[in-house]
Amino acid sequence: MNLGEQLSICSEHYQKWKSVALNSFNKVETRKALDRAFFWLELQSAFIALHAVERTGGNNEETRRKLFTAKANLSKKLAEYAKEILSEL
């Protein structure tokens, strides 16, 4: 998946959860929606940062290894998020 697709998905989910939070009158639901909105915003920022590092300094072996580890950590966070959502259903 390219950066544009990643950012588009993150932005779409962020906007969705932000809207839910702003339109909710229930404090618990608002808190949950805000947590999810911030998750997607943080993920979007991480994708941008990793892309910037890849483009500017991803030439040496150590940097590529760290980028791989960072991407694996992002995948792990997404899997944990999906697991949380599924458990709520």
PDB file of N, CA and C in Angstrom:
ATOM      1  N   MET A   1       0.845  -1.165   0.000  1.00  0.00           N
ATOM      2  CA  MET A   1       0.000   0.000   0.000  1.00  0.00           C
ATOM      3  C   MET A   1       0.902   1.244   0.000  1.00  0.00           C
ATOM      4  N   ASN A   2       0.595   2.175  -0.873  1.00  0.00           N
ATOM      5  CA  ASN A   2       1.440   3.365  -0.947  1.00  0.00           C
ATOM      6  C   ASN A   2       1.019   4.395   0.107  1.00  0.00           C
ATOM      7  N   LEU A   3       1.829   5.420   0.241  1.00  0.00           N
ATOM      8  CA  LEU A   3       1.602   6.431   1.276  1.00  0.00           C
ATOM      9  C   LEU A   3       0.257   7.130   1.100  1.00  0.00           C
ATOM     10  N   GLY A   4      -0.113   7.431  -0.121  1.00  0.00           N
ATOM     11  CA  GLY A   4      -1.380   8.105  -0.365  1.00  0.00           C
ATOM     12  C   GLY A   4      -2.569   7.292   0.132  1.00  0.00           C
ATOM     13  N   GLU A   5      -2.542   6.001  -0.127  1.00  0.00           N
ATOM     14  CA  GLU A   5      -3.620   5.118   0.339  1.00  0.00           C
ATOM     15  C   GLU A   5      -3.648   5.044   1.860  1.00  0.00           C
ATOM     16  N   GLN A   6      -2.475   4.932   2.477  1.00  0.00           N
ATOM     17  CA  GLN A   6      -2.393   4.879   3.936  1.00  0.00           C
ATOM     18  C   GLN A   6      -2.956   6.151   4.563  1.00  0.00           C
ATOM     19  N   LEU A   7      -2.557   7.284   4.025  1.00  0.00           N
ATOM     20  CA  LEU A   7      -3.024   8.558   4.562  1.00  0.00           C
ATOM     21  C   LEU A   7      -4.519   8.736   4.346  1.00  0.00           C
ATOM     22  N   SER A   8      -5.008   8.279   3.218  1.00  0.00           N
ATOM     23  CA  SER A   8      -6.433   8.376   2.929  1.00  0.00           C
ATOM     24  C   SER A   8      -7.256   7.553   3.915  1.00  0.00           C
ATOM     25  N   ILE A   9      -6.819   6.344   4.190  1.00  0.00           N
ATOM     26  CA  ILE A   9      -7.521   5.479   5.143  1.00  0.00           C
ATOM     27  C   ILE A   9      -7.497   6.093   6.534  1.00  0.00           C
ATOM     28  N   CYS A  10      -6.328   6.554   6.957  1.00  0.00           N
ATOM     29  CA  CYS A  10      -6.212   7.170   8.284  1.00  0.00           C
ATOM     30  C   CYS A  10      -7.101   8.402   8.396  1.00  0.00           C
ATOM     31  N   SER A  11      -7.085   9.231   7.367  1.00  0.00           N
ATOM     32  CA  SER A  11      -7.876  10.457   7.381  1.00  0.00           C
ATOM     33  C   SER A  11      -9.369  10.149   7.430  1.00  0.00           C
ATOM     34  N   GLU A  12      -9.785   9.171   6.645  1.00  0.00           N
ATOM     35  CA  GLU A  12     -11.201   8.787   6.617  1.00  0.00           C
ATOM     36  C   GLU A  12     -11.671   8.323   8.001  1.00  0.00           C
ATOM     37  N   HIS A  13     -10.878   7.454   8.636  1.00  0.00           N
ATOM     38  CA  HIS A  13     -11.252   6.950   9.955  1.00  0.00           C
ATOM     39  C   HIS A  13     -11.178   8.044  11.015  1.00  0.00           C
ATOM     40  N   TYR A  14     -10.188   8.908  10.913  1.00  0.00           N
ATOM     41  CA  TYR A  14     -10.078  10.024  11.856  1.00  0.00           C
ATOM     42  C   TYR A  14     -11.319  10.909  11.775  1.00  0.00           C
ATOM     43  N   GLN A  15     -11.704  11.281  10.556  1.00  0.00           N
ATOM     44  CA  GLN A  15     -12.870  12.147  10.377  1.00  0.00           C
ATOM     45  C   GLN A  15     -14.140  11.489  10.906  1.00  0.00           C
ATOM     46  N   LYS A  16     -14.257  10.188  10.682  1.00  0.00           N
ATOM     47  CA  LYS A  16     -15.430   9.459  11.160  1.00  0.00           C
ATOM     48  C   LYS A  16     -15.534   9.525  12.674  1.00  0.00           C
ATOM     49  N   TRP A  17     -14.436   9.185  13.360  1.00  0.00           N
ATOM     50  CA  TRP A  17     -14.465   9.134  14.823  1.00  0.00           C
ATOM     51  C   TRP A  17     -14.541  10.521  15.443  1.00  0.00           C
ATOM     52  N   LYS A  18     -13.953  11.505  14.789  1.00  0.00           N
ATOM     53  CA  LYS A  18     -14.071  12.880  15.270  1.00  0.00           C
ATOM     54  C   LYS A  18     -15.518  13.337  15.204  1.00  0.00           C
ATOM     55  N   SER A  19     -16.170  13.000  14.119  1.00  0.00           N
ATOM     56  CA  SER A  19     -17.577  13.352  13.956  1.00  0.00           C
ATOM     57  C   SER A  19     -18.445  12.674  15.019  1.00  0.00           C
ATOM     58  N   VAL A  20     -18.177  11.403  15.276  1.00  0.00           N
ATOM     59  CA  VAL A  20     -18.918  10.679  16.319  1.00  0.00           C
ATOM     60  C   VAL A  20     -18.717  11.359  17.668  1.00  0.00           C
ATOM     61  N   ALA A  21     -17.483  11.715  17.971  1.00  0.00           N
ATOM     62  CA  ALA A  21     -17.184  12.361  19.256  1.00  0.00           C
ATOM     63  C   ALA A  21     -17.884  13.709  19.387  1.00  0.00           C
ATOM     64  N   LEU A  22     -17.886  14.477  18.319  1.00  0.00           N
ATOM     65  CA  LEU A  22     -18.499  15.806  18.367  1.00  0.00           C
ATOM     66  C   LEU A  22     -20.021  15.769  18.442  1.00  0.00           C
ATOM     67  N   ASN A  23     -20.604  14.703  17.932  1.00  0.00           N
ATOM     68  CA  ASN A  23     -22.063  14.603  17.893  1.00  0.00           C
ATOM     69  C   ASN A  23     -22.655  13.770  19.026  1.00  0.00           C
ATOM     70  N   SER A  24     -21.808  13.226  19.875  1.00  0.00           N
ATOM     71  CA  SER A  24     -22.294  12.373  20.950  1.00  0.00           C
ATOM     72  C   SER A  24     -22.595  13.188  22.211  1.00  0.00           C
ATOM     73  N   PHE A  25     -23.624  12.778  22.919  1.00  0.00           N
ATOM     74  CA  PHE A  25     -23.969  13.417  24.183  1.00  0.00           C
ATOM     75  C   PHE A  25     -23.604  12.532  25.372  1.00  0.00           C
ATOM     76  N   ASN A  26     -23.140  11.331  25.089  1.00  0.00           N
ATOM     77  CA  ASN A  26     -22.742  10.377  26.116  1.00  0.00           C
ATOM     78  C   ASN A  26     -21.238  10.507  26.358  1.00  0.00           C
ATOM     79  N   LYS A  27     -20.839  10.755  27.601  1.00  0.00           N
ATOM     80  CA  LYS A  27     -19.415  10.967  27.908  1.00  0.00           C
ATOM     81  C   LYS A  27     -18.565   9.749  27.594  1.00  0.00           C
ATOM     82  N   VAL A  28     -19.074   8.563  27.888  1.00  0.00           N
ATOM     83  CA  VAL A  28     -18.300   7.343  27.633  1.00  0.00           C
ATOM     84  C   VAL A  28     -18.108   7.134  26.131  1.00  0.00           C
ATOM     85  N   GLU A  29     -19.165   7.333  25.372  1.00  0.00           N
ATOM     86  CA  GLU A  29     -19.079   7.184  23.925  1.00  0.00           C
ATOM     87  C   GLU A  29     -18.163   8.245  23.317  1.00  0.00           C
ATOM     88  N   THR A  30     -18.247   9.454  23.837  1.00  0.00           N
ATOM     89  CA  THR A  30     -17.385  10.539  23.356  1.00  0.00           C
ATOM     90  C   THR A  30     -15.921  10.214  23.614  1.00  0.00           C
ATOM     91  N   ARG A  31     -15.627   9.729  24.803  1.00  0.00           N
ATOM     92  CA  ARG A  31     -14.244   9.378  25.166  1.00  0.00           C
ATOM     93  C   ARG A  31     -13.705   8.277  24.256  1.00  0.00           C
ATOM     94  N   LYS A  32     -14.529   7.256  24.020  1.00  0.00           N
ATOM     95  CA  LYS A  32     -14.112   6.145  23.163  1.00  0.00           C
ATOM     96  C   LYS A  32     -13.865   6.636  21.738  1.00  0.00           C
ATOM     97  N   ALA A  33     -14.755   7.483  21.241  1.00  0.00           N
ATOM     98  CA  ALA A  33     -14.604   8.013  19.885  1.00  0.00           C
ATOM     99  C   ALA A  33     -13.360   8.902  19.774  1.00  0.00           C
ATOM    100  N   LEU A  34     -13.098   9.704  20.794  1.00  0.00           N
ATOM    101  CA  LEU A  34     -11.893  10.541  20.783  1.00  0.00           C
ATOM    102  C   LEU A  34     -10.627   9.696  20.804  1.00  0.00           C
ATOM    103  N   ASP A  35     -10.626   8.641  21.604  1.00  0.00           N
ATOM    104  CA  ASP A  35      -9.470   7.738  21.637  1.00  0.00           C
ATOM    105  C   ASP A  35      -9.204   7.148  20.260  1.00  0.00           C
ATOM    106  N   ARG A  36     -10.271   6.746  19.592  1.00  0.00           N
ATOM    107  CA  ARG A  36     -10.117   6.164  18.257  1.00  0.00           C
ATOM    108  C   ARG A  36      -9.684   7.209  17.240  1.00  0.00           C
ATOM    109  N   ALA A  37     -10.216   8.405  17.341  1.00  0.00           N
ATOM    110  CA  ALA A  37      -9.817   9.478  16.424  1.00  0.00           C
ATOM    111  C   ALA A  37      -8.333   9.798  16.593  1.00  0.00           C
ATOM    112  N   PHE A  38      -7.892   9.891  17.830  1.00  0.00           N
ATOM    113  CA  PHE A  38      -6.479  10.194  18.070  1.00  0.00           C
ATOM    114  C   PHE A  38      -5.577   9.047  17.635  1.00  0.00           C
ATOM    115  N   PHE A  39      -6.060   7.805  17.751  1.00  0.00           N
ATOM    116  CA  PHE A  39      -5.297   6.658  17.262  1.00  0.00           C
ATOM    117  C   PHE A  39      -5.022   6.832  15.769  1.00  0.00           C
ATOM    118  N   TRP A  40      -6.061   7.161  15.001  1.00  0.00           N
ATOM    119  CA  TRP A  40      -5.894   7.297  13.556  1.00  0.00           C
ATOM    120  C   TRP A  40      -5.033   8.501  13.191  1.00  0.00           C
ATOM    121  N   LEU A  41      -5.133   9.570  13.950  1.00  0.00           N
ATOM    122  CA  LEU A  41      -4.294  10.744  13.713  1.00  0.00           C
ATOM    123  C   LEU A  41      -2.828  10.426  14.009  1.00  0.00           C
ATOM    124  N   GLU A  42      -2.597   9.709  15.095  1.00  0.00           N
ATOM    125  CA  GLU A  42      -1.236   9.299  15.445  1.00  0.00           C
ATOM    126  C   GLU A  42      -0.669   8.352  14.389  1.00  0.00           C
ATOM    127  N   LEU A  43      -1.465   7.435  13.904  1.00  0.00           N
ATOM    128  CA  LEU A  43      -1.020   6.501  12.878  1.00  0.00           C
ATOM    129  C   LEU A  43      -0.670   7.243  11.589  1.00  0.00           C
ATOM    130  N   GLN A  44      -1.488   8.207  11.233  1.00  0.00           N
ATOM    131  CA  GLN A  44      -1.219   9.006  10.046  1.00  0.00           C
ATOM    132  C   GLN A  44       0.114   9.748  10.183  1.00  0.00           C
ATOM    133  N   SER A  45       0.355  10.332  11.340  1.00  0.00           N
ATOM    134  CA  SER A  45       1.621  11.038  11.592  1.00  0.00           C
ATOM    135  C   SER A  45       2.804  10.092  11.504  1.00  0.00           C
ATOM    136  N   ALA A  46       2.630   8.887  12.018  1.00  0.00           N
ATOM    137  CA  ALA A  46       3.721   7.898  11.969  1.00  0.00           C
ATOM    138  C   ALA A  46       4.034   7.506  10.525  1.00  0.00           C
ATOM    139  N   PHE A  47       3.007   7.305   9.715  1.00  0.00           N
ATOM    140  CA  PHE A  47       3.238   6.974   8.309  1.00  0.00           C
ATOM    141  C   PHE A  47       3.986   8.097   7.595  1.00  0.00           C
ATOM    142  N   ILE A  48       3.620   9.332   7.871  1.00  0.00           N
ATOM    143  CA  ILE A  48       4.303  10.475   7.253  1.00  0.00           C
ATOM    144  C   ILE A  48       5.767  10.531   7.698  1.00  0.00           C
ATOM    145  N   ALA A  49       5.997  10.341   8.989  1.00  0.00           N
ATOM    146  CA  ALA A  49       7.372  10.387   9.509  1.00  0.00           C
ATOM    147  C   ALA A  49       8.227   9.271   8.914  1.00  0.00           C
ATOM    148  N   LEU A  50       7.688   8.061   8.847  1.00  0.00           N
ATOM    149  CA  LEU A  50       8.450   6.953   8.271  1.00  0.00           C
ATOM    150  C   LEU A  50       8.748   7.190   6.799  1.00  0.00           C
ATOM    151  N   HIS A  51       7.790   7.723   6.089  1.00  0.00           N
ATOM    152  CA  HIS A  51       8.006   8.021   4.676  1.00  0.00           C
ATOM    153  C   HIS A  51       9.116   9.066   4.508  1.00  0.00           C
ATOM    154  N   ALA A  52       9.096  10.081   5.360  1.00  0.00           N
ATOM    155  CA  ALA A  52      10.127  11.120   5.290  1.00  0.00           C
ATOM    156  C   ALA A  52      11.508  10.539   5.562  1.00  0.00           C
ATOM    157  N   VAL A  53      11.607   9.653   6.541  1.00  0.00           N
ATOM    158  CA  VAL A  53      12.907   9.028   6.850  1.00  0.00           C
ATOM    159  C   VAL A  53      13.353   8.156   5.688  1.00  0.00           C
ATOM    160  N   GLU A  54      12.437   7.405   5.107  1.00  0.00           N
ATOM    161  CA  GLU A  54      12.780   6.571   3.954  1.00  0.00           C
ATOM    162  C   GLU A  54      13.314   7.402   2.800  1.00  0.00           C
ATOM    163  N   ARG A  55      12.672   8.525   2.552  1.00  0.00           N
ATOM    164  CA  ARG A  55      13.060   9.362   1.417  1.00  0.00           C
ATOM    165  C   ARG A  55      14.372  10.106   1.654  1.00  0.00           C
ATOM    166  N   THR A  56      14.673  10.441   2.908  1.00  0.00           N
ATOM    167  CA  THR A  56      15.851  11.266   3.179  1.00  0.00           C
ATOM    168  C   THR A  56      17.063  10.490   3.661  1.00  0.00           C
ATOM    169  N   GLY A  57      16.850   9.444   4.437  1.00  0.00           N
ATOM    170  CA  GLY A  57      18.025   8.787   5.000  1.00  0.00           C
ATOM    171  C   GLY A  57      17.937   7.282   5.080  1.00  0.00           C
ATOM    172  N   GLY A  58      17.103   6.683   4.251  1.00  0.00           N
ATOM    173  CA  GLY A  58      16.908   5.252   4.322  1.00  0.00           C
ATOM    174  C   GLY A  58      17.881   4.437   3.498  1.00  0.00           C
ATOM    175  N   ASN A  59      19.100   4.915   3.340  1.00  0.00           N
ATOM    176  CA  ASN A  59      20.062   4.233   2.472  1.00  0.00           C
ATOM    177  C   ASN A  59      20.900   3.179   3.175  1.00  0.00           C
ATOM    178  N   ASN A  60      21.254   3.410   4.420  1.00  0.00           N
ATOM    179  CA  ASN A  60      22.162   2.466   5.078  1.00  0.00           C
ATOM    180  C   ASN A  60      21.380   1.328   5.740  1.00  0.00           C
ATOM    181  N   GLU A  61      22.096   0.280   6.046  1.00  0.00           N
ATOM    182  CA  GLU A  61      21.492  -0.947   6.578  1.00  0.00           C
ATOM    183  C   GLU A  61      20.808  -0.723   7.926  1.00  0.00           C
ATOM    184  N   GLU A  62      21.434   0.020   8.808  1.00  0.00           N
ATOM    185  CA  GLU A  62      20.859   0.250  10.139  1.00  0.00           C
ATOM    186  C   GLU A  62      19.538   1.019  10.050  1.00  0.00           C
ATOM    187  N   THR A  63      19.500   2.025   9.202  1.00  0.00           N
ATOM    188  CA  THR A  63      18.271   2.801   9.035  1.00  0.00           C
ATOM    189  C   THR A  63      17.166   1.936   8.450  1.00  0.00           C
ATOM    190  N   ARG A  64      17.493   1.116   7.461  1.00  0.00           N
ATOM    191  CA  ARG A  64      16.479   0.216   6.883  1.00  0.00           C
ATOM    192  C   ARG A  64      15.958  -0.766   7.926  1.00  0.00           C
ATOM    193  N   ARG A  65      16.841  -1.251   8.791  1.00  0.00           N
ATOM    194  CA  ARG A  65      16.433  -2.177   9.853  1.00  0.00           C
ATOM    195  C   ARG A  65      15.487  -1.483  10.830  1.00  0.00           C
ATOM    196  N   LYS A  66      15.821  -0.262  11.205  1.00  0.00           N
ATOM    197  CA  LYS A  66      14.962   0.482  12.130  1.00  0.00           C
ATOM    198  C   LYS A  66      13.608   0.817  11.490  1.00  0.00           C
ATOM    199  N   LEU A  67      13.622   1.142  10.215  1.00  0.00           N
ATOM    200  CA  LEU A  67      12.369   1.408   9.510  1.00  0.00           C
ATOM    201  C   LEU A  67      11.493   0.157   9.459  1.00  0.00           C
ATOM    202  N   PHE A  68      12.125  -0.974   9.210  1.00  0.00           N
ATOM    203  CA  PHE A  68      11.386  -2.241   9.187  1.00  0.00           C
ATOM    204  C   PHE A  68      10.760  -2.518  10.548  1.00  0.00           C
ATOM    205  N   THR A  69      11.529  -2.301  11.608  1.00  0.00           N
ATOM    206  CA  THR A  69      11.024  -2.503  12.971  1.00  0.00           C
ATOM    207  C   THR A  69       9.878  -1.548  13.270  1.00  0.00           C
ATOM    208  N   ALA A  70      10.014  -0.299  12.868  1.00  0.00           N
ATOM    209  CA  ALA A  70       8.957   0.687  13.102  1.00  0.00           C
ATOM    210  C   ALA A  70       7.681   0.310  12.346  1.00  0.00           C
ATOM    211  N   LYS A  71       7.821  -0.147  11.116  1.00  0.00           N
ATOM    212  CA  LYS A  71       6.653  -0.564  10.342  1.00  0.00           C
ATOM    213  C   LYS A  71       5.996  -1.793  10.966  1.00  0.00           C
ATOM    214  N   ALA A  72       6.806  -2.694  11.487  1.00  0.00           N
ATOM    215  CA  ALA A  72       6.259  -3.871  12.168  1.00  0.00           C
ATOM    216  C   ALA A  72       5.488  -3.451  13.416  1.00  0.00           C
ATOM    217  N   ASN A  73       6.007  -2.469  14.138  1.00  0.00           N
ATOM    218  CA  ASN A  73       5.310  -1.970  15.328  1.00  0.00           C
ATOM    219  C   ASN A  73       3.976  -1.319  14.953  1.00  0.00           C
ATOM    220  N   LEU A  74       3.941  -0.600  13.837  1.00  0.00           N
ATOM    221  CA  LEU A  74       2.684  -0.009  13.377  1.00  0.00           C
ATOM    222  C   LEU A  74       1.681  -1.101  13.006  1.00  0.00           C
ATOM    223  N   SER A  75       2.163  -2.140  12.374  1.00  0.00           N
ATOM    224  CA  SER A  75       1.283  -3.262  12.026  1.00  0.00           C
ATOM    225  C   SER A  75       0.739  -3.924  13.286  1.00  0.00           C
ATOM    226  N   LYS A  76       1.573  -4.035  14.290  1.00  0.00           N
ATOM    227  CA  LYS A  76       1.153  -4.625  15.565  1.00  0.00           C
ATOM    228  C   LYS A  76       0.067  -3.750  16.214  1.00  0.00           C
ATOM    229  N   LYS A  77       0.253  -2.429  16.189  1.00  0.00           N
ATOM    230  CA  LYS A  77      -0.749  -1.520  16.744  1.00  0.00           C
ATOM    231  C   LYS A  77      -2.080  -1.648  16.007  1.00  0.00           C
ATOM    232  N   LEU A  78      -2.015  -1.775  14.692  1.00  0.00           N
ATOM    233  CA  LEU A  78      -3.237  -1.945  13.909  1.00  0.00           C
ATOM    234  C   LEU A  78      -3.932  -3.264  14.246  1.00  0.00           C
ATOM    235  N   ALA A  79      -3.149  -4.312  14.431  1.00  0.00           N
ATOM    236  CA  ALA A  79      -3.728  -5.607  14.802  1.00  0.00           C
ATOM    237  C   ALA A  79      -4.378  -5.545  16.180  1.00  0.00           C
ATOM    238  N   GLU A  80      -3.733  -4.862  17.115  1.00  0.00           N
ATOM    239  CA  GLU A  80      -4.312  -4.704  18.453  1.00  0.00           C
ATOM    240  C   GLU A  80      -5.599  -3.890  18.396  1.00  0.00           C
ATOM    241  N   TYR A  81      -5.617  -2.869  17.570  1.00  0.00           N
ATOM    242  CA  TYR A  81      -6.815  -2.043  17.390  1.00  0.00           C
ATOM    243  C   TYR A  81      -7.951  -2.894  16.825  1.00  0.00           C
ATOM    244  N   ALA A  82      -7.636  -3.686  15.807  1.00  0.00           N
ATOM    245  CA  ALA A  82      -8.654  -4.548  15.197  1.00  0.00           C
ATOM    246  C   ALA A  82      -9.184  -5.559  16.206  1.00  0.00           C
ATOM    247  N   LYS A  83      -8.296  -6.112  17.012  1.00  0.00           N
ATOM    248  CA  LYS A  83      -8.699  -7.075  18.040  1.00  0.00           C
ATOM    249  C   LYS A  83      -9.635  -6.417  19.051  1.00  0.00           C
ATOM    250  N   GLU A  84      -9.328  -5.184  19.435  1.00  0.00           N
ATOM    251  CA  GLU A  84     -10.170  -4.436  20.378  1.00  0.00           C
ATOM    252  C   GLU A  84     -11.554  -4.188  19.784  1.00  0.00           C
ATOM    253  N   ILE A  85     -11.588  -3.777  18.523  1.00  0.00           N
ATOM    254  CA  ILE A  85     -12.865  -3.518  17.855  1.00  0.00           C
ATOM    255  C   ILE A  85     -13.692  -4.803  17.758  1.00  0.00           C
ATOM    256  N   LEU A  86     -13.045  -5.885  17.393  1.00  0.00           N
ATOM    257  CA  LEU A  86     -13.762  -7.158  17.283  1.00  0.00           C
ATOM    258  C   LEU A  86     -14.298  -7.639  18.621  1.00  0.00           C
ATOM    259  N   SER A  87     -13.542  -7.417  19.675  1.00  0.00           N
ATOM    260  CA  SER A  87     -14.008  -7.854  20.992  1.00  0.00           C
ATOM    261  C   SER A  87     -15.220  -7.050  21.455  1.00  0.00           C
ATOM    262  N   GLU A  88     -15.338  -5.808  21.000  1.00  0.00           N
ATOM    263  CA  GLU A  88     -16.477  -4.977  21.346  1.00  0.00           C
ATOM    264  C   GLU A  88     -17.732  -5.398  20.584  1.00  0.00           C
ATOM    265  N   LEU A  89     -17.537  -6.010  19.427  1.00  0.00           N
ATOM    266  CA  LEU A  89     -18.688  -6.441  18.639  1.00  0.00           C
ATOM    267  C   LEU A  89     -19.220  -7.714  19.229  1.00  0.00           C
TER     268      LEU A  89
END
